[in-house]
C-alpha cells in the first residue's frame, strides 16, 4: 500500500457525499475512502464494502487513522465542525460557503496553522 495515501472521512453520505465526494476519493490513488457519517440509513457499505460507517461526527473524529475529513454538512455547521476537526488534528476540505463570515474563516486558518493542518475550500467545477 502507498504510504502517501490519505485516509479520508466524509461527514455526510447524503447527495453530495454520494455524488461529489465518495466516488472521486475512491478512485484517486492518493486517497482512501475510509469512513462516513450516516446517522440513519446505512447505505455506504453497499457501494464501498470496506467503509466504516459512524453514527456521529465525533465518532469519526475519534478515529486516529483518519487524516482528512470532508465537511459537506449544512452551511450553519461548517465553522463548528471544521474547528472541531482541526482540533482533532485532521486536514479539512470544506464545502462552500467556507464560513458565514470572515472572522470565522480567519479563526479556521489560525487553527490550521496551530495544529499544522490544512484547511481548504471545495469548489466543484462544471465542465
C-alpha atoms as a PDB file:
ATOM      1  CA  UNK A   1       0.000   0.000   0.000  1.00  0.00           C
ATOM      2  CA  UNK A   2       1.136   3.500  -0.822  1.00  0.00           C
ATOM      3  CA  UNK A   3       2.338   5.273   2.335  1.00  0.00           C
ATOM      4  CA  UNK A   4       1.227   8.605   0.873  1.00  0.00           C
ATOM      5  CA  UNK A   5      -2.436   7.632   0.865  1.00  0.00           C
ATOM      6  CA  UNK A   6      -4.636   9.930   2.946  1.00  0.00           C
ATOM      7  CA  UNK A   7      -7.297   8.075   4.883  1.00  0.00           C
ATOM      8  CA  UNK A   8     -10.383  10.182   4.350  1.00  0.00           C
ATOM      9  CA  UNK A   9     -13.735  10.527   6.068  1.00  0.00           C
ATOM     10  CA  UNK A  10     -16.857  12.212   4.728  1.00  0.00           C
ATOM     11  CA  UNK A  11     -19.119  13.894   7.280  1.00  0.00           C
ATOM     12  CA  UNK A  12     -22.344  13.187   5.420  1.00  0.00           C
ATOM     13  CA  UNK A  13     -23.257  10.425   2.982  1.00  0.00           C
ATOM     14  CA  UNK A  14     -26.218  12.265   1.514  1.00  0.00           C
ATOM     15  CA  UNK A  15     -26.344  13.527  -2.050  1.00  0.00           C
ATOM     16  CA  UNK A  16     -23.061  15.464  -2.016  1.00  0.00           C
ATOM     17  CA  UNK A  17     -21.252  12.646  -0.233  1.00  0.00           C
ATOM     18  CA  UNK A  18     -22.527  10.031  -2.657  1.00  0.00           C
ATOM     19  CA  UNK A  19     -22.154  12.051  -5.875  1.00  0.00           C
ATOM     20  CA  UNK A  20     -19.470  14.709  -5.401  1.00  0.00           C
ATOM     21  CA  UNK A  21     -17.045  13.229  -2.890  1.00  0.00           C
ATOM     22  CA  UNK A  22     -17.025   9.456  -2.334  1.00  0.00           C
ATOM     23  CA  UNK A  23     -16.630   8.361  -5.983  1.00  0.00           C
ATOM     24  CA  UNK A  24     -13.679  10.682  -6.594  1.00  0.00           C
ATOM     25  CA  UNK A  25     -11.922   9.872  -3.334  1.00  0.00           C
ATOM     26  CA  UNK A  26     -12.421   6.186  -4.010  1.00  0.00           C
ATOM     27  CA  UNK A  27     -10.862   6.411  -7.485  1.00  0.00           C
ATOM     28  CA  UNK A  28      -7.900   8.632  -6.624  1.00  0.00           C
ATOM     29  CA  UNK A  29      -4.737   6.620  -5.846  1.00  0.00           C
ATOM     30  CA  UNK A  30      -3.588   9.062  -3.136  1.00  0.00           C
ATOM     31  CA  UNK A  31      -6.770   8.845  -1.079  1.00  0.00           C
ATOM     32  CA  UNK A  32      -8.540   6.041   0.745  1.00  0.00           C
ATOM     33  CA  UNK A  33     -12.255   6.426   1.361  1.00  0.00           C
ATOM     34  CA  UNK A  34     -12.206   5.085   4.914  1.00  0.00           C
ATOM     35  CA  UNK A  35     -15.269   6.394   6.732  1.00  0.00           C
ATOM     36  CA  UNK A  36     -18.562   8.241   6.502  1.00  0.00           C
ATOM     37  CA  UNK A  37     -21.146   9.522   8.926  1.00  0.00           C
ATOM     38  CA  UNK A  38     -24.597   8.031   8.347  1.00  0.00           C
ATOM     39  CA  UNK A  39     -26.953   8.976  11.132  1.00  0.00           C
ATOM     40  CA  UNK A  40     -29.943   6.957   9.973  1.00  0.00           C
ATOM     41  CA  UNK A  41     -29.867   4.918   6.772  1.00  0.00           C
ATOM     42  CA  UNK A  42     -26.680   2.853   6.460  1.00  0.00           C
ATOM     43  CA  UNK A  43     -26.074   2.530   2.691  1.00  0.00           C
ATOM     44  CA  UNK A  44     -22.401   3.342   2.114  1.00  0.00           C
ATOM     45  CA  UNK A  45     -21.291  -0.271   2.546  1.00  0.00           C
ATOM     46  CA  UNK A  46     -23.431  -1.272  -0.458  1.00  0.00           C
ATOM     47  CA  UNK A  47     -21.101   0.658  -2.765  1.00  0.00           C
ATOM     48  CA  UNK A  48     -17.973   0.666  -0.599  1.00  0.00           C
ATOM     49  CA  UNK A  49     -17.886  -2.696   1.240  1.00  0.00           C
ATOM     50  CA  UNK A  50     -14.871  -1.873   3.452  1.00  0.00           C
ATOM     51  CA  UNK A  51     -16.024   1.565   4.571  1.00  0.00           C
ATOM     52  CA  UNK A  52     -16.618   2.307   8.244  1.00  0.00           C
ATOM     53  CA  UNK A  53     -19.943   3.989   8.948  1.00  0.00           C
ATOM     54  CA  UNK A  54     -20.240   6.156  12.039  1.00  0.00           C
ATOM     55  CA  UNK A  55     -23.375   7.471  13.723  1.00  0.00           C
ATOM     56  CA  UNK A  56     -21.778  10.817  14.608  1.00  0.00           C
ATOM     57  CA  UNK A  57     -19.078  13.227  13.569  1.00  0.00           C
ATOM     58  CA  UNK A  58     -17.429  12.902  16.988  1.00  0.00           C
ATOM     59  CA  UNK A  59     -17.073   9.138  16.481  1.00  0.00           C
ATOM     60  CA  UNK A  60     -15.423   9.656  13.102  1.00  0.00           C
ATOM     61  CA  UNK A  61     -13.088  12.309  14.509  1.00  0.00           C
ATOM     62  CA  UNK A  62     -12.047   9.914  17.283  1.00  0.00           C
ATOM     63  CA  UNK A  63     -10.617   7.537  14.668  1.00  0.00           C
ATOM     64  CA  UNK A  64      -6.907   8.363  14.792  1.00  0.00           C
ATOM     65  CA  UNK A  65      -6.309   6.773  11.380  1.00  0.00           C
ATOM     66  CA  UNK A  66      -8.474   9.355   9.576  1.00  0.00           C
ATOM     67  CA  UNK A  67      -6.208  12.151   8.327  1.00  0.00           C
ATOM     68  CA  UNK A  68      -8.579  14.190   6.153  1.00  0.00           C
ATOM     69  CA  UNK A  69     -12.251  14.988   6.596  1.00  0.00           C
ATOM     70  CA  UNK A  70     -14.644  16.429   4.089  1.00  0.00           C
ATOM     71  CA  UNK A  71     -17.262  18.679   5.632  1.00  0.00           C
ATOM     72  CA  UNK A  72     -20.362  18.540   3.471  1.00  0.00           C
ATOM     73  CA  UNK A  73     -22.956  19.245   6.131  1.00  0.00           C
ATOM     74  CA  UNK A  74     -25.453  22.135   6.332  1.00  0.00           C
ATOM     75  CA  UNK A  75     -23.863  25.580   5.934  1.00  0.00           C
ATOM     76  CA  UNK A  76     -24.520  26.624   9.531  1.00  0.00           C
ATOM     77  CA  UNK A  77     -22.369  23.723  10.809  1.00  0.00           C
ATOM     78  CA  UNK A  78     -19.283  24.366   8.660  1.00  0.00           C
ATOM     79  CA  UNK A  79     -17.339  26.524  11.104  1.00  0.00           C
ATOM     80  CA  UNK A  80     -18.108  24.425  14.182  1.00  0.00           C
ATOM     81  CA  UNK A  81     -17.304  21.111  12.503  1.00  0.00           C
ATOM     82  CA  UNK A  82     -14.173  22.414  10.765  1.00  0.00           C
ATOM     83  CA  UNK A  83     -12.791  23.817  14.009  1.00  0.00           C
ATOM     84  CA  UNK A  84     -13.569  20.558  15.802  1.00  0.00           C
ATOM     85  CA  UNK A  85     -11.824  18.584  13.040  1.00  0.00           C
ATOM     86  CA  UNK A  86      -8.735  20.797  13.124  1.00  0.00           C
ATOM     87  CA  UNK A  87      -8.578  20.448  16.915  1.00  0.00           C
ATOM     88  CA  UNK A  88      -8.706  16.669  16.353  1.00  0.00           C
ATOM     89  CA  UNK A  89      -5.656  17.153  14.093  1.00  0.00           C
ATOM     90  CA  UNK A  90      -7.401  16.372  10.817  1.00  0.00           C
ATOM     91  CA  UNK A  91      -6.890  18.118   7.499  1.00  0.00           C
ATOM     92  CA  UNK A  92     -10.167  19.694   6.335  1.00  0.00           C
ATOM     93  CA  UNK A  93     -11.841  20.127   2.960  1.00  0.00           C
ATOM     94  CA  UNK A  94     -14.833  22.386   3.482  1.00  0.00           C
ATOM     95  CA  UNK A  95     -17.747  22.789   1.092  1.00  0.00           C
ATOM     96  CA  UNK A  96     -18.955  26.304   0.301  1.00  0.00           C
ATOM     97  CA  UNK A  97     -19.767  28.520   1.916  1.00  0.00           C
ATOM     98  CA  UNK A  98     -16.445  28.149   3.677  1.00  0.00           C
ATOM     99  CA  UNK A  99     -17.853  30.085   6.651  1.00  0.00           C
ATOM    100  CA  UNK A 100     -20.608  32.650   7.036  1.00  0.00           C
ATOM    101  CA  UNK A 101     -18.194  35.496   7.862  1.00  0.00           C
ATOM    102  CA  UNK A 102     -14.528  36.387   7.575  1.00  0.00           C
ATOM    103  CA  UNK A 103     -13.698  36.291  11.329  1.00  0.00           C
ATOM    104  CA  UNK A 104     -14.710  32.599  11.367  1.00  0.00           C
ATOM    105  CA  UNK A 105     -12.561  31.921   8.299  1.00  0.00           C
ATOM    106  CA  UNK A 106      -9.599  33.652   9.949  1.00  0.00           C
ATOM    107  CA  UNK A 107     -10.125  31.555  13.080  1.00  0.00           C
ATOM    108  CA  UNK A 108     -10.054  28.353  10.996  1.00  0.00           C
ATOM    109  CA  UNK A 109      -6.833  29.402   9.249  1.00  0.00           C
ATOM    110  CA  UNK A 110      -5.280  30.193  12.646  1.00  0.00           C
ATOM    111  CA  UNK A 111      -6.334  26.780  13.998  1.00  0.00           C
ATOM    112  CA  UNK A 112      -4.942  25.048  10.918  1.00  0.00           C
ATOM    113  CA  UNK A 113      -1.615  26.779  11.473  1.00  0.00           C
ATOM    114  CA  UNK A 114      -1.654  25.960  15.197  1.00  0.00           C
ATOM    115  CA  UNK A 115      -2.268  22.240  14.561  1.00  0.00           C
ATOM    116  CA  UNK A 116      -0.077  22.092  11.433  1.00  0.00           C
ATOM    117  CA  UNK A 117      -3.006  21.037   9.252  1.00  0.00           C
ATOM    118  CA  UNK A 118      -4.539  22.267   6.021  1.00  0.00           C
ATOM    119  CA  UNK A 119      -7.999  23.734   5.659  1.00  0.00           C
ATOM    120  CA  UNK A 120      -9.213  24.219   2.103  1.00  0.00           C
ATOM    121  CA  UNK A 121     -12.411  25.226   0.366  1.00  0.00           C
ATOM    122  CA  UNK A 122     -14.081  22.780  -2.009  1.00  0.00           C
ATOM    123  CA  UNK A 123     -15.446  24.201  -5.243  1.00  0.00           C
ATOM    124  CA  UNK A 124     -16.633  21.751  -7.839  1.00  0.00           C
ATOM    125  CA  UNK A 125     -16.178  22.931 -11.371  1.00  0.00           C
ATOM    126  CA  UNK A 126     -18.706  22.390 -14.124  1.00  0.00           C
ATOM    127  CA  UNK A 127     -17.208  21.045 -17.320  1.00  0.00           C
END
